[in-house]
Amino acid sequence: MGTKKSRILPALGDSVRRRFEHWRRTRRVLSRIPEPLWAAAVEMAGTCGISHTAKTLRVNYDALRNRVEHQAAAAPRRPEENTVTTFLELAPPQRVGSCQCTMELEDASGAKMRVHLQSAEAPDLAALSRSFWELRS
C-alpha cells in the first residue's frame, strides 16, 4: 500500500542524502554540518520522521530532534482550519444605568400587590398587572 510519505520519501530523501554525501566527501575533517544542510534535514524529518531521517542521513538522532523541536517552538502558531470551537464566552450586556421603580396595585376588595424593580431590564408589567386583576375578578 503506497502512502503519501512513501511517495515523497524517495524524492526528498534522495536529494538531501546526496547533498550530505557530497558534503562528507568535500568537507574538512571535524567541520560542523552547515546550517543549510541542517535545515534540509529538519524539513525531511517533518515529512519522513526524525528516526528515519537520522538513519538515512547518518546524523545524530538527538541533535536532529533538538533542531526539529527548536524550529517548532520558534515557528508562529496558526490556528487549525478545521478546528471546532467547543466553548464560546459571551460578555453580558453593559448596563447603562441603574433603574429603580415601585408599582403598587390595589383592587376594590383591598387586595394589594407591590412590585419593586431594581434593574435596567423591566419585566412585562402589563402582563403582570393583568394577571393580578384577572385573579381578583
N, C-alpha and C. Protein backbone atom coordinates (compact mmCIF):
# COMPACT_ATOMS: atom_id res chain seq x y z
N MET A 1 0.83 -1.17 0.00
CA MET A 1 0.00 0.00 0.00
C MET A 1 0.88 1.24 0.00
N GLY A 2 0.73 2.11 -0.98
CA GLY A 2 1.54 3.31 -1.04
C GLY A 2 0.92 4.43 -0.24
N THR A 3 1.70 5.04 0.60
CA THR A 3 1.20 6.18 1.37
C THR A 3 1.86 7.44 0.85
N LYS A 4 1.37 8.56 1.32
CA LYS A 4 1.93 9.84 0.89
C LYS A 4 3.40 9.93 1.29
N LYS A 5 3.73 9.47 2.51
CA LYS A 5 5.11 9.53 2.98
C LYS A 5 6.03 8.69 2.10
N SER A 6 5.57 7.50 1.71
CA SER A 6 6.45 6.63 0.94
C SER A 6 6.68 7.17 -0.47
N ARG A 7 5.74 7.95 -1.01
CA ARG A 7 5.94 8.56 -2.33
C ARG A 7 6.86 9.76 -2.24
N ILE A 8 6.78 10.52 -1.17
CA ILE A 8 7.61 11.71 -1.01
C ILE A 8 9.03 11.33 -0.61
N LEU A 9 9.15 10.28 0.19
CA LEU A 9 10.44 9.88 0.74
C LEU A 9 11.53 9.71 -0.31
N PRO A 10 11.33 8.95 -1.40
CA PRO A 10 12.43 8.78 -2.34
C PRO A 10 12.93 10.10 -2.92
N ALA A 11 12.05 10.98 -3.35
CA ALA A 11 12.48 12.23 -3.98
C ALA A 11 13.18 13.14 -2.97
N LEU A 12 12.54 13.43 -1.87
CA LEU A 12 13.12 14.33 -0.87
C LEU A 12 14.31 13.68 -0.19
N GLY A 13 14.16 12.42 0.23
CA GLY A 13 15.23 11.72 0.94
C GLY A 13 16.48 11.57 0.09
N ASP A 14 16.33 11.19 -1.18
CA ASP A 14 17.50 11.03 -2.05
C ASP A 14 18.21 12.34 -2.28
N SER A 15 17.47 13.39 -2.49
CA SER A 15 18.07 14.70 -2.73
C SER A 15 18.90 15.15 -1.53
N VAL A 16 18.32 15.08 -0.35
CA VAL A 16 19.02 15.53 0.87
C VAL A 16 20.17 14.58 1.17
N ARG A 17 19.96 13.28 1.01
CA ARG A 17 21.03 12.30 1.26
C ARG A 17 22.22 12.57 0.34
N ARG A 18 21.95 12.87 -0.94
CA ARG A 18 23.04 13.17 -1.88
C ARG A 18 23.80 14.44 -1.47
N ARG A 19 23.08 15.43 -0.97
CA ARG A 19 23.74 16.66 -0.51
C ARG A 19 24.65 16.38 0.68
N PHE A 20 24.17 15.54 1.62
CA PHE A 20 25.00 15.17 2.77
C PHE A 20 26.22 14.38 2.34
N GLU A 21 26.05 13.45 1.42
CA GLU A 21 27.20 12.66 0.93
C GLU A 21 28.23 13.55 0.25
N HIS A 22 27.78 14.50 -0.55
CA HIS A 22 28.70 15.43 -1.21
C HIS A 22 29.46 16.24 -0.18
N TRP A 23 28.76 16.71 0.84
CA TRP A 23 29.42 17.49 1.89
C TRP A 23 30.45 16.63 2.62
N ARG A 24 30.13 15.38 2.91
CA ARG A 24 31.07 14.50 3.61
C ARG A 24 32.32 14.23 2.77
N ARG A 25 32.16 14.13 1.46
CA ARG A 25 33.32 13.89 0.60
C ARG A 25 34.21 15.12 0.47
N THR A 26 33.61 16.31 0.54
CA THR A 26 34.37 17.53 0.27
C THR A 26 34.70 18.35 1.51
N ARG A 27 34.27 17.95 2.68
CA ARG A 27 34.47 18.76 3.89
C ARG A 27 35.88 18.61 4.44
N ARG A 28 36.20 19.58 5.30
CA ARG A 28 37.44 19.46 6.07
C ARG A 28 37.15 18.58 7.27
N VAL A 29 38.13 17.90 7.75
CA VAL A 29 37.97 17.00 8.89
C VAL A 29 37.48 17.78 10.10
N LEU A 30 36.54 17.17 10.82
CA LEU A 30 35.94 17.73 12.04
C LEU A 30 35.18 19.04 11.83
N SER A 31 34.77 19.33 10.61
CA SER A 31 33.96 20.53 10.39
C SER A 31 32.50 20.22 10.73
N ARG A 32 31.79 21.24 11.14
CA ARG A 32 30.39 21.08 11.53
C ARG A 32 29.50 21.02 10.29
N ILE A 33 28.34 20.39 10.48
CA ILE A 33 27.37 20.33 9.38
C ILE A 33 26.85 21.74 9.14
N PRO A 34 26.87 22.22 7.89
CA PRO A 34 26.40 23.58 7.60
C PRO A 34 24.89 23.73 7.87
N GLU A 35 24.49 24.94 8.21
CA GLU A 35 23.09 25.22 8.54
C GLU A 35 22.13 24.88 7.40
N PRO A 36 22.49 25.15 6.12
CA PRO A 36 21.55 24.78 5.06
C PRO A 36 21.27 23.27 5.02
N LEU A 37 22.28 22.46 5.34
CA LEU A 37 22.06 21.01 5.39
C LEU A 37 21.18 20.63 6.58
N TRP A 38 21.42 21.28 7.71
CA TRP A 38 20.56 21.02 8.87
C TRP A 38 19.11 21.41 8.55
N ALA A 39 18.93 22.53 7.88
CA ALA A 39 17.57 22.98 7.52
C ALA A 39 16.89 21.94 6.62
N ALA A 40 17.64 21.38 5.67
CA ALA A 40 17.08 20.35 4.79
C ALA A 40 16.75 19.09 5.60
N ALA A 41 17.60 18.75 6.56
CA ALA A 41 17.35 17.57 7.39
C ALA A 41 16.10 17.77 8.26
N VAL A 42 15.93 18.97 8.80
CA VAL A 42 14.75 19.27 9.62
C VAL A 42 13.49 19.19 8.76
N GLU A 43 13.56 19.70 7.55
CA GLU A 43 12.41 19.63 6.63
C GLU A 43 12.07 18.17 6.31
N MET A 44 13.11 17.39 6.04
CA MET A 44 12.90 15.97 5.75
C MET A 44 12.32 15.25 6.95
N ALA A 45 12.78 15.59 8.15
CA ALA A 45 12.25 14.97 9.38
C ALA A 45 10.77 15.29 9.56
N GLY A 46 10.37 16.49 9.16
CA GLY A 46 8.96 16.86 9.26
C GLY A 46 8.09 16.01 8.35
N THR A 47 8.66 15.53 7.25
CA THR A 47 7.91 14.71 6.30
C THR A 47 8.08 13.22 6.58
N CYS A 48 9.30 12.80 6.86
CA CYS A 48 9.61 11.37 6.94
C CYS A 48 9.78 10.84 8.36
N GLY A 49 9.87 11.73 9.33
CA GLY A 49 10.09 11.31 10.72
C GLY A 49 11.55 11.48 11.11
N ILE A 50 11.77 11.74 12.38
CA ILE A 50 13.12 12.02 12.88
C ILE A 50 14.01 10.78 12.81
N SER A 51 13.50 9.65 13.25
CA SER A 51 14.31 8.43 13.29
C SER A 51 14.77 8.02 11.89
N HIS A 52 13.84 7.98 10.97
CA HIS A 52 14.19 7.57 9.60
C HIS A 52 15.17 8.56 8.97
N THR A 53 14.94 9.84 9.20
CA THR A 53 15.84 10.87 8.64
C THR A 53 17.23 10.73 9.23
N ALA A 54 17.33 10.54 10.55
CA ALA A 54 18.65 10.41 11.19
C ALA A 54 19.40 9.20 10.63
N LYS A 55 18.71 8.09 10.43
CA LYS A 55 19.36 6.89 9.87
C LYS A 55 19.78 7.12 8.43
N THR A 56 18.89 7.70 7.63
CA THR A 56 19.17 7.90 6.20
C THR A 56 20.34 8.85 6.00
N LEU A 57 20.37 9.94 6.77
CA LEU A 57 21.41 10.97 6.59
C LEU A 57 22.64 10.70 7.45
N ARG A 58 22.56 9.71 8.33
CA ARG A 58 23.65 9.37 9.24
C ARG A 58 24.04 10.57 10.11
N VAL A 59 23.03 11.14 10.76
CA VAL A 59 23.26 12.24 11.70
C VAL A 59 22.79 11.78 13.07
N ASN A 60 23.23 12.48 14.10
CA ASN A 60 22.86 12.16 15.47
C ASN A 60 21.37 12.41 15.68
N TYR A 61 20.67 11.38 16.16
CA TYR A 61 19.22 11.46 16.37
C TYR A 61 18.85 12.61 17.31
N ASP A 62 19.55 12.70 18.46
CA ASP A 62 19.22 13.74 19.45
C ASP A 62 19.47 15.14 18.90
N ALA A 63 20.54 15.32 18.14
CA ALA A 63 20.83 16.63 17.55
C ALA A 63 19.73 17.02 16.58
N LEU A 64 19.27 16.08 15.76
CA LEU A 64 18.19 16.36 14.82
C LEU A 64 16.89 16.64 15.55
N ARG A 65 16.58 15.83 16.56
CA ARG A 65 15.35 16.03 17.33
C ARG A 65 15.34 17.41 17.99
N ASN A 66 16.48 17.82 18.56
CA ASN A 66 16.55 19.14 19.20
C ASN A 66 16.31 20.26 18.19
N ARG A 67 16.84 20.11 17.00
CA ARG A 67 16.63 21.14 15.96
C ARG A 67 15.18 21.18 15.51
N VAL A 68 14.57 20.00 15.38
CA VAL A 68 13.15 19.95 14.99
C VAL A 68 12.30 20.61 16.07
N GLU A 69 12.56 20.30 17.34
CA GLU A 69 11.79 20.88 18.44
C GLU A 69 12.02 22.39 18.53
N HIS A 70 13.27 22.82 18.33
CA HIS A 70 13.57 24.25 18.39
C HIS A 70 12.84 25.01 17.29
N GLN A 71 12.80 24.43 16.09
CA GLN A 71 12.11 25.08 14.99
C GLN A 71 10.60 25.14 15.26
N ALA A 72 10.05 24.05 15.81
CA ALA A 72 8.62 24.03 16.11
C ALA A 72 8.26 25.06 17.17
N ALA A 73 9.13 25.24 18.15
CA ALA A 73 8.87 26.22 19.22
C ALA A 73 9.00 27.65 18.69
N ALA A 74 9.91 27.87 17.74
CA ALA A 74 10.13 29.21 17.22
C ALA A 74 9.11 29.61 16.17
N ALA A 75 8.48 28.64 15.53
CA ALA A 75 7.52 28.93 14.46
C ALA A 75 6.24 29.51 15.05
N PRO A 76 5.70 30.56 14.40
CA PRO A 76 4.44 31.11 14.89
C PRO A 76 3.31 30.10 14.68
N ARG A 77 2.46 29.98 15.67
CA ARG A 77 1.37 29.01 15.59
C ARG A 77 0.20 29.61 14.83
N ARG A 78 -0.33 28.82 13.90
CA ARG A 78 -1.51 29.23 13.16
C ARG A 78 -2.69 28.38 13.64
N PRO A 79 -3.85 28.97 13.75
CA PRO A 79 -5.00 28.16 14.14
C PRO A 79 -5.32 27.14 13.05
N GLU A 80 -5.72 25.97 13.46
CA GLU A 80 -6.08 24.93 12.50
C GLU A 80 -7.34 25.34 11.76
N GLU A 81 -7.40 25.00 10.48
CA GLU A 81 -8.55 25.37 9.67
C GLU A 81 -9.80 24.59 10.06
N ASN A 82 -9.64 23.36 10.48
CA ASN A 82 -10.79 22.52 10.78
C ASN A 82 -11.07 22.42 12.28
N THR A 83 -10.61 23.39 13.05
CA THR A 83 -10.82 23.37 14.48
C THR A 83 -12.27 23.71 14.80
N VAL A 84 -12.87 22.94 15.69
CA VAL A 84 -14.24 23.19 16.11
C VAL A 84 -14.18 23.88 17.46
N THR A 85 -14.86 25.00 17.57
CA THR A 85 -14.92 25.72 18.83
C THR A 85 -15.90 25.02 19.74
N THR A 86 -15.45 24.64 20.92
CA THR A 86 -16.33 23.93 21.83
C THR A 86 -16.87 24.83 22.93
N PHE A 87 -16.30 25.99 23.11
CA PHE A 87 -16.76 26.89 24.15
C PHE A 87 -16.64 28.32 23.65
N LEU A 88 -17.68 29.07 23.83
CA LEU A 88 -17.68 30.47 23.41
C LEU A 88 -18.27 31.27 24.55
N GLU A 89 -17.47 32.19 25.10
CA GLU A 89 -17.94 33.01 26.21
C GLU A 89 -18.47 34.32 25.66
N LEU A 90 -19.67 34.66 26.06
CA LEU A 90 -20.28 35.92 25.65
C LEU A 90 -20.34 36.84 26.86
N ALA A 91 -19.88 38.04 26.66
CA ALA A 91 -19.90 39.02 27.75
C ALA A 91 -21.33 39.50 27.96
N PRO A 92 -21.73 39.68 29.21
CA PRO A 92 -23.09 40.18 29.45
C PRO A 92 -23.21 41.62 28.93
N PRO A 93 -24.42 42.01 28.56
CA PRO A 93 -24.60 43.38 28.06
C PRO A 93 -24.26 44.40 29.15
N GLN A 94 -23.67 45.49 28.76
CA GLN A 94 -23.30 46.53 29.71
C GLN A 94 -24.54 47.30 30.14
N ARG A 95 -24.63 47.52 31.42
CA ARG A 95 -25.74 48.30 31.94
C ARG A 95 -25.42 49.78 31.82
N VAL A 96 -26.35 50.50 31.30
CA VAL A 96 -26.15 51.94 31.13
C VAL A 96 -26.32 52.64 32.46
N GLY A 97 -27.31 52.25 33.19
CA GLY A 97 -27.55 52.86 34.49
C GLY A 97 -28.48 51.98 35.30
N SER A 98 -28.59 52.29 36.54
CA SER A 98 -29.45 51.52 37.41
C SER A 98 -30.83 52.17 37.43
N CYS A 99 -31.86 51.34 37.29
CA CYS A 99 -33.23 51.84 37.27
C CYS A 99 -33.98 51.21 38.43
N GLN A 100 -34.67 52.02 39.18
CA GLN A 100 -35.47 51.52 40.28
C GLN A 100 -36.87 52.10 40.17
N CYS A 101 -37.84 51.23 40.41
CA CYS A 101 -39.22 51.74 40.47
C CYS A 101 -40.06 50.82 41.33
N THR A 102 -41.14 51.36 41.84
CA THR A 102 -42.06 50.59 42.65
C THR A 102 -43.45 50.77 42.06
N MET A 103 -44.15 49.64 41.90
CA MET A 103 -45.50 49.69 41.37
C MET A 103 -46.42 49.03 42.40
N GLU A 104 -47.48 49.75 42.76
CA GLU A 104 -48.44 49.21 43.72
C GLU A 104 -49.80 49.10 43.06
N LEU A 105 -50.42 47.94 43.21
CA LEU A 105 -51.76 47.71 42.67
C LEU A 105 -52.69 47.36 43.83
N GLU A 106 -53.89 47.90 43.78
CA GLU A 106 -54.88 47.61 44.81
C GLU A 106 -56.25 47.56 44.15
N ASP A 107 -56.99 46.48 44.43
CA ASP A 107 -58.32 46.39 43.83
C ASP A 107 -59.38 46.87 44.83
N ALA A 108 -60.64 46.83 44.42
CA ALA A 108 -61.75 47.35 45.23
C ALA A 108 -61.94 46.56 46.52
N SER A 109 -61.54 45.27 46.51
CA SER A 109 -61.74 44.46 47.72
C SER A 109 -60.61 44.66 48.74
N GLY A 110 -59.57 45.40 48.37
CA GLY A 110 -58.47 45.68 49.29
C GLY A 110 -57.23 44.82 49.05
N ALA A 111 -57.28 43.92 48.04
CA ALA A 111 -56.10 43.10 47.73
C ALA A 111 -55.03 44.01 47.14
N LYS A 112 -53.80 43.78 47.59
CA LYS A 112 -52.71 44.64 47.14
C LYS A 112 -51.56 43.80 46.56
N MET A 113 -50.88 44.40 45.61
CA MET A 113 -49.65 43.80 45.08
C MET A 113 -48.65 44.93 44.90
N ARG A 114 -47.47 44.71 45.43
CA ARG A 114 -46.41 45.71 45.31
C ARG A 114 -45.22 45.06 44.60
N VAL A 115 -44.73 45.72 43.57
CA VAL A 115 -43.59 45.23 42.78
C VAL A 115 -42.51 46.28 42.85
N HIS A 116 -41.33 45.89 43.32
CA HIS A 116 -40.18 46.79 43.39
C HIS A 116 -39.12 46.28 42.43
N LEU A 117 -38.76 47.06 41.43
CA LEU A 117 -37.78 46.67 40.41
C LEU A 117 -36.48 47.42 40.62
N GLN A 118 -35.38 46.68 40.58
CA GLN A 118 -34.05 47.29 40.67
C GLN A 118 -33.18 46.73 39.54
N SER A 119 -33.50 47.09 38.33
CA SER A 119 -32.79 46.53 37.21
C SER A 119 -32.94 47.43 36.00
N ALA A 120 -32.03 47.27 35.06
CA ALA A 120 -32.12 48.03 33.82
C ALA A 120 -33.18 47.42 32.92
N GLU A 121 -33.46 46.14 33.10
CA GLU A 121 -34.45 45.45 32.28
C GLU A 121 -35.73 45.29 33.08
N ALA A 122 -36.83 45.71 32.50
CA ALA A 122 -38.12 45.61 33.19
C ALA A 122 -38.89 44.42 32.63
N PRO A 123 -39.56 43.66 33.53
CA PRO A 123 -40.40 42.57 33.03
C PRO A 123 -41.63 43.15 32.35
N ASP A 124 -42.45 42.30 31.80
CA ASP A 124 -43.68 42.75 31.14
C ASP A 124 -44.68 43.15 32.22
N LEU A 125 -44.67 44.41 32.55
CA LEU A 125 -45.52 44.90 33.64
C LEU A 125 -46.99 44.84 33.28
N ALA A 126 -47.32 45.00 32.02
CA ALA A 126 -48.73 44.94 31.61
C ALA A 126 -49.28 43.54 31.87
N ALA A 127 -48.52 42.51 31.51
CA ALA A 127 -48.97 41.14 31.74
C ALA A 127 -49.06 40.84 33.23
N LEU A 128 -48.10 41.35 33.99
CA LEU A 128 -48.09 41.13 35.43
C LEU A 128 -49.33 41.76 36.08
N SER A 129 -49.64 42.99 35.71
CA SER A 129 -50.81 43.65 36.30
C SER A 129 -52.10 43.02 35.81
N ARG A 130 -52.13 42.58 34.55
CA ARG A 130 -53.32 41.91 34.01
C ARG A 130 -53.60 40.63 34.81
N SER A 131 -52.57 39.86 35.14
CA SER A 131 -52.78 38.62 35.90
C SER A 131 -53.31 38.94 37.30
N PHE A 132 -52.86 40.04 37.88
CA PHE A 132 -53.37 40.44 39.20
C PHE A 132 -54.85 40.77 39.12
N TRP A 133 -55.28 41.52 38.11
CA TRP A 133 -56.68 41.94 38.01
C TRP A 133 -57.57 40.75 37.67
N GLU A 134 -57.05 39.80 36.85
CA GLU A 134 -57.87 38.65 36.46
C GLU A 134 -58.12 37.71 37.65
N LEU A 135 -57.14 37.56 38.54
CA LEU A 135 -57.32 36.73 39.72
C LEU A 135 -58.38 37.30 40.64
N ARG A 136 -58.53 38.59 40.65
CA ARG A 136 -59.45 39.26 41.55
C ARG A 136 -60.87 39.33 40.99
N SER A 137 -61.10 39.07 39.74
CA SER A 137 -62.46 39.21 39.18
C SER A 137 -63.30 38.00 39.40
